[in-house]
C-alpha atoms as a PDB file:
ATOM      1  CA  MET A   1      63.172  60.414 162.410  1.00  0.00           C
ATOM      2  CA  ALA A   2      60.353  58.537 164.086  1.00  0.00           C
ATOM      3  CA  ASP A   3      57.855  61.013 162.649  1.00  0.00           C
ATOM      4  CA  LEU A   4      59.249  60.485 159.143  1.00  0.00           C
ATOM      5  CA  GLU A   5      58.962  56.699 159.431  1.00  0.00           C
ATOM      6  CA  ARG A   6      55.384  56.988 160.693  1.00  0.00           C
ATOM      7  CA  ARG A   7      54.368  59.237 157.819  1.00  0.00           C
ATOM      8  CA  SER A   8      56.161  57.098 155.230  1.00  0.00           C
ATOM      9  CA  LYS A   9      53.704  54.283 155.934  1.00  0.00           C
ATOM     10  CA  GLN A  10      50.845  56.587 154.863  1.00  0.00           C
ATOM     11  CA  SER A  11      52.546  58.109 151.836  1.00  0.00           C
ATOM     12  CA  PRO A  12      51.182  57.175 148.384  1.00  0.00           C
ATOM     13  CA  ARG A  13      53.421  55.321 145.966  1.00  0.00           C
ATOM     14  CA  ALA A  14      54.245  56.505 142.454  1.00  0.00           C
ATOM     15  CA  ARG A  15      55.208  53.277 140.737  1.00  0.00           C
ATOM     16  CA  LEU A  16      55.157  53.337 136.938  1.00  0.00           C
ATOM     17  CA  THR A  17      53.403  49.972 136.699  1.00  0.00           C
ATOM     18  CA  GLU A  18      50.585  51.105 138.995  1.00  0.00           C
ATOM     19  CA  PHE A  19      50.210  54.338 137.046  1.00  0.00           C
ATOM     20  CA  SER A  20      50.094  52.464 133.726  1.00  0.00           C
ATOM     21  CA  GLU A  21      47.382  50.124 134.989  1.00  0.00           C
ATOM     22  CA  TRP A  22      45.338  52.970 136.474  1.00  0.00           C
ATOM     23  CA  PHE A  23      45.777  55.070 133.323  1.00  0.00           C
ATOM     24  CA  LYS A  24      44.126  52.412 131.128  1.00  0.00           C
ATOM     25  CA  GLY A  25      40.701  53.027 132.657  1.00  0.00           C
ATOM     26  CA  ASN A  26      38.475  55.058 130.342  1.00  0.00           C
ATOM     27  CA  ASP A  27      37.533  57.573 133.036  1.00  0.00           C
ATOM     28  CA  ASN A  28      41.161  58.118 134.050  1.00  0.00           C
ATOM     29  CA  ASN A  29      42.498  59.152 130.639  1.00  0.00           C
ATOM     30  CA  PRO A  30      43.594  62.796 130.251  1.00  0.00           C
ATOM     31  CA  SER A  31      40.913  65.144 128.957  1.00  0.00           C
ATOM     32  CA  PHE A  32      41.223  66.834 125.552  1.00  0.00           C
ATOM     33  CA  ASN A  33      40.341  70.481 124.994  1.00  0.00           C
ATOM     34  CA  ASN A  34      38.833  70.094 121.507  1.00  0.00           C
ATOM     35  CA  ARG A  35      35.670  68.162 122.383  1.00  0.00           C
ATOM     36  CA  TYR A  36      32.895  70.569 123.368  1.00  0.00           C
ATOM     37  CA  SER A  37      29.613  72.076 122.204  1.00  0.00           C
ATOM     38  CA  THR A  38      27.515  75.100 123.168  1.00  0.00           C
ATOM     39  CA  MET A  39      23.809  75.909 123.340  1.00  0.00           C
ATOM     40  CA  PHE A  40      22.238  79.299 124.059  1.00  0.00           C
ATOM     41  CA  SER A  41      18.689  79.679 125.336  1.00  0.00           C
ATOM     42  CA  THR A  42      16.843  82.582 123.716  1.00  0.00           C
ATOM     43  CA  PRO A  43      16.476  85.820 125.729  1.00  0.00           C
ATOM     44  CA  ALA A  44      12.941  87.165 126.064  1.00  0.00           C
ATOM     45  CA  ILE A  45      13.714  90.198 123.871  1.00  0.00           C
ATOM     46  CA  PHE A  46      14.568  87.860 120.969  1.00  0.00           C
ATOM     47  CA  ARG A  47      11.304  85.929 121.000  1.00  0.00           C
ATOM     48  CA  SER A  48       8.499  86.501 118.532  1.00  0.00           C
ATOM     49  CA  GLY A  49       5.842  88.921 119.741  1.00  0.00           C
ATOM     50  CA  THR A  50       8.216  91.016 121.859  1.00  0.00           C
ATOM     51  CA  SER A  51      10.718  93.181 119.988  1.00  0.00           C
ATOM     52  CA  PHE A  52       9.862  91.455 116.688  1.00  0.00           C
ATOM     53  CA  GLN A  53       6.536  90.382 115.244  1.00  0.00           C
ATOM     54  CA  LYS A  54       8.293  87.309 113.855  1.00  0.00           C
ATOM     55  CA  SER A  55      11.773  86.868 115.259  1.00  0.00           C
ATOM     56  CA  LYS A  56      14.758  85.674 113.218  1.00  0.00           C
ATOM     57  CA  PHE A  57      16.871  85.336 116.349  1.00  0.00           C
ATOM     58  CA  GLU A  58      15.667  82.158 118.069  1.00  0.00           C
ATOM     59  CA  LEU A  59      18.983  80.803 119.370  1.00  0.00           C
ATOM     60  CA  GLU A  60      18.105  77.185 120.186  1.00  0.00           C
ATOM     61  CA  VAL A  61      17.117  76.044 116.690  1.00  0.00           C
ATOM     62  CA  GLY A  62      18.167  76.125 113.052  1.00  0.00           C
ATOM     63  CA  ASP A  63      21.177  77.934 111.654  1.00  0.00           C
ATOM     64  CA  ASN A  64      21.367  80.318 114.626  1.00  0.00           C
ATOM     65  CA  ALA A  65      22.079  77.386 116.951  1.00  0.00           C
ATOM     66  CA  ASN A  66      24.670  76.043 114.508  1.00  0.00           C
ATOM     67  CA  TYR A  67      26.416  79.416 114.164  1.00  0.00           C
ATOM     68  CA  LEU A  68      26.811  79.627 117.943  1.00  0.00           C
ATOM     69  CA  ASN A  69      27.882  75.990 118.279  1.00  0.00           C
ATOM     70  CA  PHE A  70      29.884  74.883 115.229  1.00  0.00           C
ATOM     71  CA  TYR A  71      31.629  78.253 114.848  1.00  0.00           C
ATOM     72  CA  ALA A  72      32.568  78.646 118.528  1.00  0.00           C
ATOM     73  CA  ASP A  73      36.305  78.244 117.937  1.00  0.00           C
ATOM     74  CA  ASN A  74      37.581  79.051 121.421  1.00  0.00           C
ATOM     75  CA  ILE A  75      35.866  79.259 124.792  1.00  0.00           C
ATOM     76  CA  ASN A  76      37.422  80.558 127.980  1.00  0.00           C
ATOM     77  CA  LEU A  77      35.666  78.623 130.709  1.00  0.00           C
ATOM     78  CA  PRO A  78      34.694  80.580 133.827  1.00  0.00           C
ATOM     79  CA  SER A  79      37.037  80.806 136.760  1.00  0.00           C
ATOM     80  CA  LYS A  80      35.960  81.004 140.396  1.00  0.00           C
ATOM     81  CA  GLN A  81      37.647  82.874 143.198  1.00  0.00           C
ATOM     82  CA  VAL A  82      36.901  82.948 146.916  1.00  0.00           C
ATOM     83  CA  THR A  83      36.905  86.370 148.558  1.00  0.00           C
ATOM     84  CA  THR A  84      38.278  86.393 152.096  1.00  0.00           C
ATOM     85  CA  GLY A  85      38.578  88.456 155.223  1.00  0.00           C
ATOM     86  CA  GLN A  86      41.428  88.332 157.700  1.00  0.00           C
ATOM     87  CA  ILE A  87      41.626  87.902 161.447  1.00  0.00           C
ATOM     88  CA  THR A  88      44.754  88.833 163.333  1.00  0.00           C
ATOM     89  CA  ASN A  89      45.015  87.821 166.966  1.00  0.00           C
ATOM     90  CA  ILE A  90      48.134  87.004 168.880  1.00  0.00           C
ATOM     91  CA  GLY A  91      50.440  85.089 166.577  1.00  0.00           C
ATOM     92  CA  SER A  92      49.815  84.317 162.911  1.00  0.00           C
ATOM     93  CA  SER A  93      46.808  85.798 161.128  1.00  0.00           C
ATOM     94  CA  PHE A  94      44.447  83.611 159.128  1.00  0.00           C
ATOM     95  CA  ASN A  95      41.959  84.172 156.329  1.00  0.00           C
ATOM     96  CA  TYR A  96      38.325  83.090 156.236  1.00  0.00           C
ATOM     97  CA  ALA A  97      35.900  82.799 153.323  1.00  0.00           C
ATOM     98  CA  THR A  98      33.329  85.574 152.833  1.00  0.00           C
ATOM     99  CA  SER A  99      31.922  84.940 149.359  1.00  0.00           C
ATOM    100  CA  SER A 100      32.812  83.702 145.866  1.00  0.00           C
ATOM    101  CA  THR A 101      33.176  85.627 142.625  1.00  0.00           C
ATOM    102  CA  PHE A 102      33.276  84.603 138.966  1.00  0.00           C
ATOM    103  CA  SER A 103      35.243  85.833 135.999  1.00  0.00           C
ATOM    104  CA  GLN A 104      33.763  86.884 132.688  1.00  0.00           C
ATOM    105  CA  ILE A 105      33.833  84.379 129.823  1.00  0.00           C
ATOM    106  CA  ASN A 106      34.917  84.973 126.239  1.00  0.00           C
ATOM    107  CA  ILE A 107      33.962  83.057 123.106  1.00  0.00           C
ATOM    108  CA  THR A 108      35.706  83.425 119.750  1.00  0.00           C
ATOM    109  CA  PHE A 109      33.403  82.813 116.785  1.00  0.00           C
ATOM    110  CA  THR A 110      34.315  82.162 113.169  1.00  0.00           C
ATOM    111  CA  MET A 111      32.304  84.589 111.062  1.00  0.00           C
ATOM    112  CA  PRO A 112      29.984  83.051 108.426  1.00  0.00           C
ATOM    113  CA  ARG A 113      29.594  84.686 105.008  1.00  0.00           C
ATOM    114  CA  SER A 114      26.168  85.955 106.028  1.00  0.00           C
ATOM    115  CA  HIS A 115      27.650  87.685 109.108  1.00  0.00           C
ATOM    116  CA  LYS A 116      24.633  86.416 111.033  1.00  0.00           C
ATOM    117  CA  THR A 117      26.719  85.896 114.182  1.00  0.00           C
ATOM    118  CA  ARG A 118      27.553  89.602 114.209  1.00  0.00           C
ATOM    119  CA  MET A 119      23.884  90.441 113.663  1.00  0.00           C
ATOM    120  CA  ILE A 120      22.845  88.316 116.648  1.00  0.00           C
ATOM    121  CA  PHE A 121      25.088  90.116 119.120  1.00  0.00           C
ATOM    122  CA  GLU A 122      24.589  93.573 117.564  1.00  0.00           C
ATOM    123  CA  ARG A 123      20.809  93.223 117.899  1.00  0.00           C
ATOM    124  CA  TRP A 124      21.158  91.709 121.382  1.00  0.00           C
ATOM    125  CA  ILE A 125      23.168  94.644 122.739  1.00  0.00           C
ATOM    126  CA  ASN A 126      21.047  97.229 120.913  1.00  0.00           C
ATOM    127  CA  LEU A 127      17.823  95.830 122.364  1.00  0.00           C
ATOM    128  CA  MET A 128      19.436  95.477 125.775  1.00  0.00           C
ATOM    129  CA  SER A 129      20.678  99.059 125.979  1.00  0.00           C
ATOM    130  CA  SER A 130      20.024 101.188 122.925  1.00  0.00           C
ATOM    131  CA  ASP A 131      22.302 104.109 122.110  1.00  0.00           C
ATOM    132  CA  ALA A 132      19.381 105.782 120.313  1.00  0.00           C
ATOM    133  CA  ASN A 133      17.312 106.564 123.421  1.00  0.00           C
ATOM    134  CA  GLN A 134      19.791 105.794 126.242  1.00  0.00           C
ATOM    135  CA  MET A 135      17.264 103.454 127.865  1.00  0.00           C
ATOM    136  CA  THR A 136      17.908  99.951 129.183  1.00  0.00           C
ATOM    137  CA  ASP A 137      15.482  97.036 129.160  1.00  0.00           C
ATOM    138  CA  TYR A 138      14.578  94.993 132.219  1.00  0.00           C
ATOM    139  CA  TYR A 139      17.259  92.556 133.359  1.00  0.00           C
ATOM    140  CA  GLU A 140      15.103  89.430 133.018  1.00  0.00           C
ATOM    141  CA  ASN A 141      14.226  90.391 129.436  1.00  0.00           C
ATOM    142  CA  TYR A 142      17.742  90.565 127.994  1.00  0.00           C
ATOM    143  CA  VAL A 143      19.645  87.831 129.828  1.00  0.00           C
ATOM    144  CA  CYS A 144      20.133  84.371 128.359  1.00  0.00           C
ATOM    145  CA  PRO A 145      18.641  82.131 131.094  1.00  0.00           C
ATOM    146  CA  ASN A 146      21.031  79.253 130.369  1.00  0.00           C
ATOM    147  CA  LEU A 147      24.194  79.121 128.296  1.00  0.00           C
ATOM    148  CA  PHE A 148      25.250  75.479 128.249  1.00  0.00           C
ATOM    149  CA  ILE A 149      28.827  74.436 127.494  1.00  0.00           C
ATOM    150  CA  PHE A 150      28.966  70.651 127.098  1.00  0.00           C
ATOM    151  CA  LYS A 151      32.288  68.839 127.599  1.00  0.00           C
ATOM    152  CA  TRP A 152      32.749  65.639 125.576  1.00  0.00           C
ATOM    153  CA  GLU A 153      35.510  63.041 125.491  1.00  0.00           C
ATOM    154  CA  ARG A 154      36.575  60.618 122.768  1.00  0.00           C
ATOM    155  CA  GLY A 155      34.806  57.265 122.847  1.00  0.00           C
ATOM    156  CA  GLY A 156      32.858  55.904 125.776  1.00  0.00           C
ATOM    157  CA  GLY A 157      29.476  56.890 124.366  1.00  0.00           C
ATOM    158  CA  ALA A 158      26.903  54.855 122.479  1.00  0.00           C
ATOM    159  CA  LYS A 159      28.120  52.332 119.893  1.00  0.00           C
ATOM    160  CA  ILE A 160      28.068  53.594 116.337  1.00  0.00           C
ATOM    161  CA  THR A 161      25.436  51.751 114.303  1.00  0.00           C
ATOM    162  CA  LEU A 162      25.264  51.981 110.530  1.00  0.00           C
ATOM    163  CA  PRO A 163      22.116  52.093 108.396  1.00  0.00           C
ATOM    164  CA  PRO A 164      21.575  49.119 106.041  1.00  0.00           C
ATOM    165  CA  GLU A 165      22.519  51.038 102.876  1.00  0.00           C
ATOM    166  CA  ILE A 166      25.894  52.014 104.358  1.00  0.00           C
ATOM    167  CA  LYS A 167      26.536  48.434 105.471  1.00  0.00           C
ATOM    168  CA  ASN A 168      25.813  47.143 101.952  1.00  0.00           C
ATOM    169  CA  PHE A 169      28.143  49.731 100.475  1.00  0.00           C
ATOM    170  CA  LEU A 170      30.971  48.800 102.865  1.00  0.00           C
ATOM    171  CA  LYS A 171      30.478  45.095 102.177  1.00  0.00           C
ATOM    172  CA  LYS A 172      30.986  45.752  98.467  1.00  0.00           C
ATOM    173  CA  LEU A 173      34.256  47.477  99.348  1.00  0.00           C
ATOM    174  CA  GLY A 174      35.340  44.462 101.384  1.00  0.00           C
ATOM    175  CA  VAL A 175      35.179  46.309 104.725  1.00  0.00           C
ATOM    176  CA  LYS A 176      34.253  44.234 107.780  1.00  0.00           C
ATOM    177  CA  ILE A 177      31.175  45.739 109.429  1.00  0.00           C
ATOM    178  CA  SER A 178      32.330  44.496 112.838  1.00  0.00           C
ATOM    179  CA  ASP A 179      35.499  46.600 112.519  1.00  0.00           C
ATOM    180  CA  VAL A 180      33.442  49.750 111.963  1.00  0.00           C
ATOM    181  CA  GLU A 181      30.698  49.195 114.539  1.00  0.00           C
ATOM    182  CA  ARG A 182      33.151  48.574 117.367  1.00  0.00           C
ATOM    183  CA  TYR A 183      33.786  52.316 117.518  1.00  0.00           C
ATOM    184  CA  ARG A 184      31.852  54.459 119.970  1.00  0.00           C
ATOM    185  CA  ASP A 185      30.496  57.973 119.833  1.00  0.00           C
ATOM    186  CA  ASP A 186      31.857  60.748 122.061  1.00  0.00           C
ATOM    187  CA  GLN A 187      30.880  60.624 125.726  1.00  0.00           C
ATOM    188  CA  LEU A 188      29.379  63.589 127.565  1.00  0.00           C
ATOM    189  CA  VAL A 189      31.283  63.959 130.845  1.00  0.00           C
ATOM    190  CA  GLY A 190      30.234  67.395 132.108  1.00  0.00           C
ATOM    191  CA  VAL A 191      28.199  70.516 131.487  1.00  0.00           C
ATOM    192  CA  TYR A 192      28.755  74.118 132.504  1.00  0.00           C
ATOM    193  CA  ASP A 193      25.412  75.833 133.083  1.00  0.00           C
ATOM    194  CA  ILE A 194      26.029  79.597 132.804  1.00  0.00           C
ATOM    195  CA  ARG A 195      23.037  81.397 134.351  1.00  0.00           C
ATOM    196  CA  ASN A 196      21.633  84.728 133.131  1.00  0.00           C
ATOM    197  CA  ALA A 197      24.417  85.570 130.681  1.00  0.00           C
ATOM    198  CA  PHE A 198      24.524  88.595 128.394  1.00  0.00           C
ATOM    199  CA  PRO A 199      27.156  90.036 126.037  1.00  0.00           C
ATOM    200  CA  PHE A 200      28.966  93.144 127.219  1.00  0.00           C
ATOM    201  CA  ASN A 201      31.637  93.416 124.545  1.00  0.00           C
ATOM    202  CA  ILE A 202      31.948  92.684 120.831  1.00  0.00           C
ATOM    203  CA  GLY A 203      35.627  92.621 119.985  1.00  0.00           C
ATOM    204  CA  SER A 204      37.109  94.449 117.025  1.00  0.00           C
ATOM    205  CA  MET A 205      37.683  92.597 113.743  1.00  0.00           C
ATOM    206  CA  THR A 206      40.505  93.463 111.364  1.00  0.00           C
ATOM    207  CA  LEU A 207      40.036  93.616 107.596  1.00  0.00           C
ATOM    208  CA  SER A 208      43.192  93.495 105.498  1.00  0.00           C
ATOM    209  CA  ASN A 209      44.383  93.410 101.875  1.00  0.00           C
ATOM    210  CA  ASP A 210      47.102  90.996 102.974  1.00  0.00           C
ATOM    211  CA  THR A 211      46.915  87.212 102.600  1.00  0.00           C
ATOM    212  CA  ALA A 212      43.354  85.984 103.077  1.00  0.00           C
ATOM    213  CA  SER A 213      42.511  84.501 106.474  1.00  0.00           C
ATOM    214  CA  ILE A 214      39.395  83.457 108.354  1.00  0.00           C
ATOM    215  CA  LEU A 215      37.504  86.348 109.952  1.00  0.00           C
ATOM    216  CA  LYS A 216      36.877  85.829 113.661  1.00  0.00           C
ATOM    217  CA  MET A 217      34.994  87.743 116.339  1.00  0.00           C
ATOM    218  CA  ASP A 218      35.473  87.768 120.122  1.00  0.00           C
ATOM    219  CA  VAL A 219      32.448  88.247 122.376  1.00  0.00           C
ATOM    220  CA  GLY A 220      32.670  88.809 126.131  1.00  0.00           C
ATOM    221  CA  PHE A 221      29.882  87.738 128.485  1.00  0.00           C
ATOM    222  CA  TYR A 222      28.910  88.623 132.020  1.00  0.00           C
ATOM    223  CA  TYR A 223      26.693  86.268 133.978  1.00  0.00           C
ATOM    224  CA  GLU A 224      25.069  85.865 137.355  1.00  0.00           C
ATOM    225  CA  ARG A 225      26.528  82.500 138.402  1.00  0.00           C
ATOM    226  CA  TYR A 226      27.448  79.155 136.922  1.00  0.00           C
ATOM    227  CA  ARG A 227      27.117  75.521 137.891  1.00  0.00           C
ATOM    228  CA  PHE A 228      29.198  72.547 136.774  1.00  0.00           C
ATOM    229  CA  PHE A 229      27.605  69.106 136.695  1.00  0.00           C
ATOM    230  CA  GLY A 230      29.389  65.813 136.092  1.00  0.00           C
ATOM    231  CA  GLN A 231      28.403  62.182 135.807  1.00  0.00           C
ATOM    232  CA  ASP A 232      26.359  60.793 138.681  1.00  0.00           C
ATOM    233  CA  LYS A 233      28.946  58.132 139.511  1.00  0.00           C
ATOM    234  CA  PHE A 234      31.484  60.856 140.300  1.00  0.00           C
ATOM    235  CA  ASP A 235      29.335  63.830 141.278  1.00  0.00           C
ATOM    236  CA  ASN A 236      27.557  64.430 144.570  1.00  0.00           C
ATOM    237  CA  LEU A 237      25.724  67.735 144.937  1.00  0.00           C
ATOM    238  CA  GLY A 238      25.286  69.443 148.280  1.00  0.00           C
ATOM    239  CA  SER A 239      22.224  71.517 149.086  1.00  0.00           C
ATOM    240  CA  SER A 240      24.332  74.693 149.120  1.00  0.00           C
ATOM    241  CA  TYR A 241      25.149  74.178 145.429  1.00  0.00           C
ATOM    242  CA  LEU A 242      21.569  74.952 144.397  1.00  0.00           C
ATOM    243  CA  ALA A 243      20.473  78.510 143.715  1.00  0.00           C
ATOM    244  CA  THR A 244      17.694  80.066 145.768  1.00  0.00           C
ATOM    245  CA  GLY A 245      14.339  78.545 144.830  1.00  0.00           C
ATOM    246  CA  GLU A 246      15.776  75.385 143.276  1.00  0.00           C
ATOM    247  CA  VAL A 247      14.886  71.991 144.656  1.00  0.00           C
ATOM    248  CA  GLY A 248      17.256  69.874 142.573  1.00  0.00           C
ATOM    249  CA  LEU A 249      18.538  69.185 139.103  1.00  0.00           C
ATOM    250  CA  THR A 250      16.091  69.160 136.231  1.00  0.00           C
ATOM    251  CA  ALA A 251      15.899  66.246 133.809  1.00  0.00           C
ATOM    252  CA  ASP A 252      17.271  68.525 131.093  1.00  0.00           C
ATOM    253  CA  LEU A 253      20.721  68.423 132.730  1.00  0.00           C
ATOM    254  CA  SER A 254      20.881  64.650 133.038  1.00  0.00           C
ATOM    255  CA  LEU A 255      24.042  63.508 131.256  1.00  0.00           C
ATOM    256  CA  ASP A 256      22.828  59.955 130.816  1.00  0.00           C
ATOM    257  CA  ARG A 257      20.308  60.901 128.132  1.00  0.00           C
ATOM    258  CA  PHE A 258      23.135  62.130 125.903  1.00  0.00           C
ATOM    259  CA  ASN A 259      25.181  58.960 126.310  1.00  0.00           C
ATOM    260  CA  SER A 260      22.458  56.357 125.793  1.00  0.00           C
END
């Protein structure tokens, strides 16, 4: 009984009023699963002057980037698991950490009329390991150095500003400009940096004479490792989080530049 009373003084409360007040903070709101974006860096085999004299498969720019971002309908984020060993002495055994492993990731893409998304991954796998000569390219040539998955949340970003012509148009409609410009853009809260990714599976697609529906394609990816970075006010990286040869985060992964 004495132990219970001692521990009760340290136990957290779960009062509804405290929860309601804490919940109102922007950073404490629940996260939504429909605010995200993706960006692939181009593998070496897709660059001009390698497999192609003039490549049509640069993944960071133009329609290719939009196909892989706007049409990424579903993304299974990577999971992480700790592998363990076991020690058994006298009494209870206990486990200890030995390493960490990662799951594959899968992305479901909506297929455009041009079927360019299918072309991208067909050419990627064919150049990576062709079934015509049974030869495989060098690892560093076919991997995507960085596959970024950006996680956004509603509001909290930069204030939405309207160009003068839009303001004039809204004024004619009797809309108060102050009511519109009080809204904020989405806020970037985290980024998954998938290192050295490559597709290992293009899922089957079903064609049917039944009721028309959107054609989708699943693609599975293997990767070497991943890193998750959050906002500086919450995140604190340890030296063990960096891969061999890294000295710190690059400016390209700074979240603040997306929210300013």
